[in-house]
N, C-alpha and C. Protein backbone atom coordinates (compact mmCIF):
# COMPACT_ATOMS: atom_id res chain seq x y z
N GLY A 1 -81.34 -25.89 26.45
CA GLY A 1 -80.10 -26.24 27.12
C GLY A 1 -78.90 -25.84 26.30
N VAL A 2 -77.72 -26.09 26.84
CA VAL A 2 -76.46 -25.77 26.18
C VAL A 2 -76.15 -26.83 25.14
N ARG A 3 -75.73 -26.36 23.98
CA ARG A 3 -75.33 -27.29 22.92
C ARG A 3 -74.03 -26.79 22.30
N LEU A 4 -73.07 -27.69 22.18
CA LEU A 4 -71.78 -27.38 21.57
C LEU A 4 -71.59 -28.31 20.37
N VAL A 5 -71.29 -27.74 19.22
CA VAL A 5 -71.13 -28.55 18.01
C VAL A 5 -69.77 -28.26 17.39
N GLU A 6 -68.93 -29.29 17.34
CA GLU A 6 -67.61 -29.16 16.76
C GLU A 6 -67.62 -29.49 15.28
N SER A 7 -66.67 -28.90 14.55
CA SER A 7 -66.45 -29.22 13.14
C SER A 7 -65.01 -28.90 12.79
N GLY A 8 -64.60 -29.33 11.60
CA GLY A 8 -63.27 -29.00 11.12
C GLY A 8 -62.24 -30.12 11.21
N GLY A 9 -62.62 -31.23 11.81
CA GLY A 9 -61.69 -32.34 11.88
C GLY A 9 -61.46 -32.96 10.52
N GLY A 10 -60.48 -33.85 10.43
CA GLY A 10 -60.20 -34.51 9.17
C GLY A 10 -58.88 -35.25 9.23
N SER A 11 -58.40 -35.65 8.07
CA SER A 11 -57.14 -36.38 7.97
C SER A 11 -56.11 -35.51 7.27
N VAL A 12 -54.95 -35.39 7.88
CA VAL A 12 -53.86 -34.60 7.31
C VAL A 12 -52.55 -35.34 7.50
N GLN A 13 -51.56 -34.93 6.75
CA GLN A 13 -50.23 -35.48 6.93
C GLN A 13 -49.48 -34.70 8.01
N ALA A 14 -48.49 -35.35 8.58
CA ALA A 14 -47.68 -34.69 9.59
C ALA A 14 -47.10 -33.39 9.03
N GLY A 15 -47.13 -32.35 9.88
CA GLY A 15 -46.67 -31.04 9.46
C GLY A 15 -47.78 -30.15 8.94
N GLY A 16 -48.95 -30.73 8.72
CA GLY A 16 -50.09 -29.98 8.21
C GLY A 16 -50.83 -29.23 9.30
N SER A 17 -51.91 -28.58 8.88
CA SER A 17 -52.70 -27.75 9.80
C SER A 17 -54.18 -28.07 9.66
N LEU A 18 -54.90 -27.84 10.75
CA LEU A 18 -56.35 -27.92 10.76
C LEU A 18 -56.87 -26.84 11.69
N ARG A 19 -58.10 -26.41 11.41
CA ARG A 19 -58.75 -25.43 12.28
C ARG A 19 -60.10 -25.97 12.71
N LEU A 20 -60.23 -26.21 13.99
CA LEU A 20 -61.48 -26.72 14.52
C LEU A 20 -62.36 -25.57 14.97
N ALA A 21 -63.66 -25.76 14.85
CA ALA A 21 -64.63 -24.78 15.30
C ALA A 21 -65.61 -25.43 16.26
N CYS A 22 -66.09 -24.65 17.20
CA CYS A 22 -67.12 -25.10 18.14
C CYS A 22 -68.15 -24.00 18.23
N VAL A 23 -69.34 -24.28 17.73
CA VAL A 23 -70.44 -23.32 17.77
C VAL A 23 -71.31 -23.62 18.98
N ALA A 24 -71.53 -22.61 19.79
CA ALA A 24 -72.31 -22.79 21.01
C ALA A 24 -73.71 -22.22 20.85
N SER A 25 -74.67 -22.93 21.39
CA SER A 25 -76.03 -22.41 21.47
C SER A 25 -76.51 -22.64 22.89
N GLY A 26 -77.36 -21.73 23.37
CA GLY A 26 -77.79 -21.82 24.76
C GLY A 26 -76.69 -21.47 25.74
N TYR A 27 -75.60 -20.91 25.24
CA TYR A 27 -74.43 -20.56 26.06
C TYR A 27 -73.75 -19.40 25.37
N THR A 28 -73.57 -18.31 26.07
CA THR A 28 -72.99 -17.11 25.48
C THR A 28 -71.53 -16.98 25.86
N LEU A 29 -70.66 -16.88 24.84
CA LEU A 29 -69.22 -16.84 25.10
C LEU A 29 -68.81 -15.63 25.91
N ASN A 30 -69.56 -14.54 25.82
CA ASN A 30 -69.16 -13.36 26.57
C ASN A 30 -69.95 -13.26 27.88
N TYR A 31 -70.59 -14.34 28.25
CA TYR A 31 -71.25 -14.36 29.55
C TYR A 31 -70.21 -14.11 30.62
N ALA A 32 -70.64 -13.38 31.62
CA ALA A 32 -69.69 -12.91 32.62
C ALA A 32 -68.86 -14.02 33.24
N TYR A 33 -69.37 -15.21 33.31
CA TYR A 33 -68.64 -16.27 33.98
C TYR A 33 -68.34 -17.45 33.08
N ALA A 34 -68.11 -17.16 31.79
CA ALA A 34 -67.92 -18.24 30.83
C ALA A 34 -66.45 -18.57 30.60
N CYS A 35 -66.15 -19.85 30.59
CA CYS A 35 -64.83 -20.35 30.25
C CYS A 35 -65.01 -21.53 29.31
N MET A 36 -64.03 -21.75 28.44
CA MET A 36 -64.14 -22.87 27.51
C MET A 36 -62.80 -23.55 27.33
N GLY A 37 -62.81 -24.65 26.62
CA GLY A 37 -61.56 -25.37 26.39
C GLY A 37 -61.70 -26.43 25.32
N TRP A 38 -60.57 -26.96 24.91
CA TRP A 38 -60.50 -28.08 23.98
C TRP A 38 -59.81 -29.24 24.67
N PHE A 39 -60.37 -30.41 24.48
CA PHE A 39 -59.82 -31.64 25.03
C PHE A 39 -59.71 -32.66 23.90
N ARG A 40 -58.95 -33.72 24.13
CA ARG A 40 -58.87 -34.79 23.13
C ARG A 40 -58.79 -36.13 23.83
N GLN A 41 -59.17 -37.15 23.07
CA GLN A 41 -59.20 -38.49 23.65
C GLN A 41 -58.93 -39.53 22.58
N GLU A 42 -58.01 -40.44 22.87
CA GLU A 42 -57.75 -41.58 22.01
C GLU A 42 -58.51 -42.78 22.57
N PRO A 43 -58.84 -43.73 21.71
CA PRO A 43 -59.55 -44.92 22.18
C PRO A 43 -58.81 -45.62 23.32
N GLY A 44 -59.51 -45.91 24.40
CA GLY A 44 -58.92 -46.62 25.52
C GLY A 44 -58.08 -45.76 26.45
N LYS A 45 -58.03 -44.47 26.17
CA LYS A 45 -57.25 -43.58 27.03
C LYS A 45 -58.15 -42.52 27.66
N GLU A 46 -57.64 -41.88 28.70
CA GLU A 46 -58.39 -40.83 29.36
C GLU A 46 -58.42 -39.56 28.50
N ARG A 47 -59.48 -38.79 28.70
CA ARG A 47 -59.57 -37.51 28.00
C ARG A 47 -58.54 -36.56 28.59
N GLU A 48 -57.79 -35.88 27.71
CA GLU A 48 -56.75 -34.98 28.19
C GLU A 48 -57.01 -33.55 27.72
N GLY A 49 -56.63 -32.61 28.54
CA GLY A 49 -56.80 -31.21 28.20
C GLY A 49 -55.76 -30.75 27.20
N VAL A 50 -56.21 -29.97 26.23
CA VAL A 50 -55.33 -29.43 25.20
C VAL A 50 -55.05 -27.96 25.51
N VAL A 51 -56.12 -27.18 25.65
CA VAL A 51 -55.97 -25.76 25.96
C VAL A 51 -57.29 -25.25 26.52
N THR A 52 -57.19 -24.34 27.49
CA THR A 52 -58.38 -23.71 28.05
C THR A 52 -58.24 -22.19 27.96
N ILE A 53 -59.38 -21.51 27.98
CA ILE A 53 -59.38 -20.05 27.91
C ILE A 53 -60.32 -19.51 28.98
N GLY A 54 -59.83 -18.49 29.69
CA GLY A 54 -60.63 -17.91 30.75
C GLY A 54 -61.48 -16.75 30.27
N ARG A 55 -62.24 -16.21 31.19
CA ARG A 55 -63.15 -15.11 30.89
C ARG A 55 -62.42 -13.92 30.29
N ASP A 56 -61.22 -13.64 30.78
CA ASP A 56 -60.48 -12.46 30.32
C ASP A 56 -59.51 -12.79 29.18
N GLY A 57 -59.64 -13.98 28.60
CA GLY A 57 -58.83 -14.32 27.44
C GLY A 57 -57.50 -14.98 27.73
N ASN A 58 -57.19 -15.15 29.00
CA ASN A 58 -55.94 -15.84 29.31
C ASN A 58 -56.08 -17.32 28.96
N THR A 59 -54.97 -17.96 28.64
CA THR A 59 -55.01 -19.34 28.16
C THR A 59 -54.02 -20.22 28.91
N ARG A 60 -54.33 -21.51 28.89
CA ARG A 60 -53.45 -22.51 29.48
C ARG A 60 -53.32 -23.65 28.47
N HIS A 61 -52.08 -23.96 28.08
CA HIS A 61 -51.83 -24.99 27.07
C HIS A 61 -51.17 -26.20 27.69
N ALA A 62 -51.49 -27.36 27.16
CA ALA A 62 -50.72 -28.55 27.50
C ALA A 62 -49.33 -28.40 26.91
N ASP A 63 -48.32 -28.92 27.59
CA ASP A 63 -46.95 -28.79 27.12
C ASP A 63 -46.78 -29.36 25.72
N SER A 64 -47.51 -30.41 25.42
CA SER A 64 -47.35 -31.09 24.13
C SER A 64 -47.82 -30.26 22.94
N VAL A 65 -48.60 -29.20 23.19
CA VAL A 65 -49.11 -28.41 22.06
C VAL A 65 -48.64 -26.96 22.08
N LYS A 66 -47.86 -26.59 23.07
CA LYS A 66 -47.38 -25.21 23.15
C LYS A 66 -46.59 -24.85 21.89
N GLY A 67 -46.91 -23.66 21.38
CA GLY A 67 -46.23 -23.20 20.19
C GLY A 67 -46.81 -23.73 18.89
N ARG A 68 -47.75 -24.66 18.99
CA ARG A 68 -48.36 -25.25 17.79
C ARG A 68 -49.87 -25.00 17.72
N PHE A 69 -50.55 -25.04 18.86
CA PHE A 69 -52.00 -24.88 18.89
C PHE A 69 -52.36 -23.53 19.49
N THR A 70 -53.40 -22.90 18.91
CA THR A 70 -53.86 -21.61 19.40
C THR A 70 -55.37 -21.63 19.55
N ILE A 71 -55.85 -21.21 20.70
CA ILE A 71 -57.28 -21.12 20.95
C ILE A 71 -57.72 -19.67 20.76
N SER A 72 -58.90 -19.48 20.20
CA SER A 72 -59.44 -18.13 20.05
C SER A 72 -60.95 -18.22 20.04
N ARG A 73 -61.61 -17.07 20.13
CA ARG A 73 -63.07 -17.08 20.15
C ARG A 73 -63.60 -15.87 19.39
N ASP A 74 -64.73 -16.07 18.76
CA ASP A 74 -65.44 -15.02 18.05
C ASP A 74 -66.77 -14.85 18.79
N ILE A 75 -66.84 -13.84 19.64
CA ILE A 75 -68.02 -13.67 20.47
C ILE A 75 -69.25 -13.36 19.64
N ALA A 76 -69.09 -12.59 18.57
CA ALA A 76 -70.22 -12.24 17.73
C ALA A 76 -70.85 -13.47 17.09
N LYS A 77 -69.99 -14.46 16.79
CA LYS A 77 -70.48 -15.69 16.17
C LYS A 77 -70.68 -16.80 17.19
N ASN A 78 -70.42 -16.49 18.46
CA ASN A 78 -70.54 -17.48 19.52
C ASN A 78 -69.77 -18.76 19.18
N THR A 79 -68.56 -18.56 18.69
CA THR A 79 -67.76 -19.67 18.19
C THR A 79 -66.38 -19.68 18.85
N LEU A 80 -65.94 -20.87 19.22
CA LEU A 80 -64.59 -21.10 19.74
C LEU A 80 -63.79 -21.80 18.66
N TRP A 81 -62.51 -21.40 18.52
CA TRP A 81 -61.67 -21.97 17.48
C TRP A 81 -60.45 -22.66 18.10
N LEU A 82 -59.91 -23.63 17.37
CA LEU A 82 -58.63 -24.21 17.72
C LEU A 82 -57.81 -24.33 16.44
N GLN A 83 -56.80 -23.49 16.32
CA GLN A 83 -55.89 -23.56 15.18
C GLN A 83 -54.76 -24.51 15.54
N MET A 84 -54.59 -25.56 14.73
CA MET A 84 -53.57 -26.56 15.00
C MET A 84 -52.58 -26.58 13.85
N ASN A 85 -51.35 -26.24 14.16
CA ASN A 85 -50.27 -26.23 13.16
C ASN A 85 -49.22 -27.28 13.51
N SER A 86 -48.38 -27.57 12.54
CA SER A 86 -47.29 -28.54 12.73
C SER A 86 -47.81 -29.82 13.39
N LEU A 87 -48.87 -30.34 12.85
CA LEU A 87 -49.50 -31.51 13.45
C LEU A 87 -48.58 -32.73 13.40
N LYS A 88 -48.70 -33.55 14.43
CA LYS A 88 -47.90 -34.76 14.57
C LYS A 88 -48.83 -35.97 14.65
N PRO A 89 -48.34 -37.15 14.32
CA PRO A 89 -49.18 -38.35 14.44
C PRO A 89 -49.74 -38.53 15.84
N GLU A 90 -48.99 -38.11 16.85
CA GLU A 90 -49.48 -38.25 18.23
C GLU A 90 -50.60 -37.28 18.58
N ASP A 91 -50.93 -36.37 17.67
CA ASP A 91 -52.08 -35.49 17.86
C ASP A 91 -53.39 -36.17 17.44
N THR A 92 -53.28 -37.35 16.84
CA THR A 92 -54.47 -38.07 16.40
C THR A 92 -55.36 -38.41 17.58
N ALA A 93 -56.62 -37.99 17.51
CA ALA A 93 -57.57 -38.20 18.60
C ALA A 93 -58.93 -37.63 18.21
N MET A 94 -59.93 -37.91 19.03
CA MET A 94 -61.21 -37.22 18.94
C MET A 94 -61.07 -35.94 19.76
N TYR A 95 -61.40 -34.81 19.16
CA TYR A 95 -61.28 -33.53 19.84
C TYR A 95 -62.65 -33.03 20.28
N TYR A 96 -62.72 -32.60 21.54
CA TYR A 96 -63.97 -32.15 22.13
C TYR A 96 -63.88 -30.69 22.59
N CYS A 97 -64.97 -30.00 22.37
CA CYS A 97 -65.14 -28.65 22.89
C CYS A 97 -65.84 -28.75 24.24
N ALA A 98 -65.45 -27.91 25.19
CA ALA A 98 -66.05 -27.94 26.51
C ALA A 98 -66.32 -26.53 27.01
N ALA A 99 -67.33 -26.40 27.86
CA ALA A 99 -67.69 -25.10 28.42
C ALA A 99 -68.09 -25.27 29.88
N ARG A 100 -67.98 -24.19 30.61
CA ARG A 100 -68.38 -24.20 32.01
C ARG A 100 -68.77 -22.79 32.40
N THR A 101 -69.39 -22.66 33.53
CA THR A 101 -69.69 -21.36 34.11
C THR A 101 -68.92 -21.24 35.43
N GLY A 102 -69.13 -20.14 36.11
CA GLY A 102 -68.46 -19.96 37.38
C GLY A 102 -67.02 -19.53 37.25
N CYS A 103 -66.72 -18.77 36.18
CA CYS A 103 -65.34 -18.30 35.98
C CYS A 103 -65.24 -16.82 36.28
N SER A 104 -64.62 -16.47 37.36
CA SER A 104 -64.44 -15.06 37.70
C SER A 104 -63.20 -14.54 36.99
N ASN A 105 -63.02 -13.23 37.03
CA ASN A 105 -61.84 -12.61 36.43
C ASN A 105 -60.56 -13.20 37.03
N GLY A 106 -59.65 -13.54 36.15
CA GLY A 106 -58.38 -14.07 36.60
C GLY A 106 -58.36 -15.58 36.78
N PHE A 107 -59.54 -16.20 36.80
CA PHE A 107 -59.59 -17.65 36.96
C PHE A 107 -59.35 -18.31 35.60
N LEU A 108 -58.49 -19.29 35.58
CA LEU A 108 -58.19 -20.02 34.36
C LEU A 108 -58.46 -21.50 34.62
N PRO A 109 -59.40 -22.08 33.91
CA PRO A 109 -59.75 -23.48 34.17
C PRO A 109 -58.54 -24.40 33.98
N PRO A 110 -58.44 -25.40 34.82
CA PRO A 110 -57.36 -26.38 34.65
C PRO A 110 -57.62 -27.27 33.44
N LEU A 111 -56.60 -27.97 33.02
CA LEU A 111 -56.72 -28.88 31.88
C LEU A 111 -57.27 -30.23 32.35
N GLN A 112 -58.33 -30.17 33.11
CA GLN A 112 -58.94 -31.37 33.68
C GLN A 112 -60.40 -31.44 33.25
N SER A 113 -60.81 -32.59 32.74
CA SER A 113 -62.16 -32.69 32.20
C SER A 113 -63.23 -32.50 33.26
N TRP A 114 -62.92 -32.84 34.54
CA TRP A 114 -63.92 -32.71 35.59
C TRP A 114 -64.30 -31.25 35.84
N SER A 115 -63.46 -30.32 35.34
CA SER A 115 -63.71 -28.90 35.57
C SER A 115 -64.77 -28.33 34.64
N PHE A 116 -65.20 -29.10 33.67
CA PHE A 116 -66.14 -28.61 32.67
C PHE A 116 -67.45 -29.41 32.72
N GLY A 117 -68.56 -28.69 32.52
CA GLY A 117 -69.85 -29.34 32.65
C GLY A 117 -70.59 -29.57 31.34
N TYR A 118 -70.14 -28.89 30.29
CA TYR A 118 -70.83 -29.01 29.00
C TYR A 118 -69.84 -29.50 27.95
N TRP A 119 -70.30 -30.43 27.12
CA TRP A 119 -69.42 -31.05 26.13
C TRP A 119 -70.11 -31.19 24.78
N GLY A 120 -69.30 -31.10 23.71
CA GLY A 120 -69.79 -31.41 22.39
C GLY A 120 -69.61 -32.89 22.09
N GLN A 121 -69.97 -33.28 20.88
CA GLN A 121 -69.90 -34.69 20.49
C GLN A 121 -68.54 -35.08 19.95
N GLY A 122 -67.73 -34.11 19.62
CA GLY A 122 -66.37 -34.39 19.16
C GLY A 122 -66.21 -34.38 17.66
N THR A 123 -64.98 -34.14 17.22
CA THR A 123 -64.62 -34.20 15.80
C THR A 123 -63.28 -34.91 15.71
N GLN A 124 -63.17 -35.84 14.77
CA GLN A 124 -61.98 -36.69 14.68
C GLN A 124 -60.86 -35.98 13.91
N VAL A 125 -59.67 -36.06 14.48
CA VAL A 125 -58.46 -35.56 13.82
C VAL A 125 -57.50 -36.75 13.67
N THR A 126 -57.06 -36.98 12.43
CA THR A 126 -56.13 -38.06 12.16
C THR A 126 -54.92 -37.51 11.42
N VAL A 127 -53.74 -37.73 11.99
CA VAL A 127 -52.51 -37.24 11.40
C VAL A 127 -51.64 -38.42 11.01
N SER A 128 -51.32 -38.51 9.74
CA SER A 128 -50.51 -39.62 9.26
C SER A 128 -49.06 -39.19 9.07
N SER A 129 -48.17 -40.14 9.25
CA SER A 129 -46.74 -39.83 9.14
C SER A 129 -46.27 -39.95 7.70
């Protein structure tokens, strides 16, 4: 089956940076209909979309992270990345990697968790002021 494993979380001060990684197995990033994304969730709150990437590399960012977070992928390593710069205390959350199929050219997944069928276990990011 599909397995997604996140890493790279940790504790940083406001203004710092972190780079999250998501290694996929049983799921090929360059599969014709593959799309992925990063989501985050605070305790007691709904999971929210951070950024998604479509089959052709187009991206959709949440307004709160535009200009600070960048999604990228290394197909050879079957790895999805999330570069997070200028971190703020409000970025503190558990970050999840997500994947789905059924993505045709030009389709960009919405920042909605229901749009994704595969999830990792998450990695904690804590930003202190």
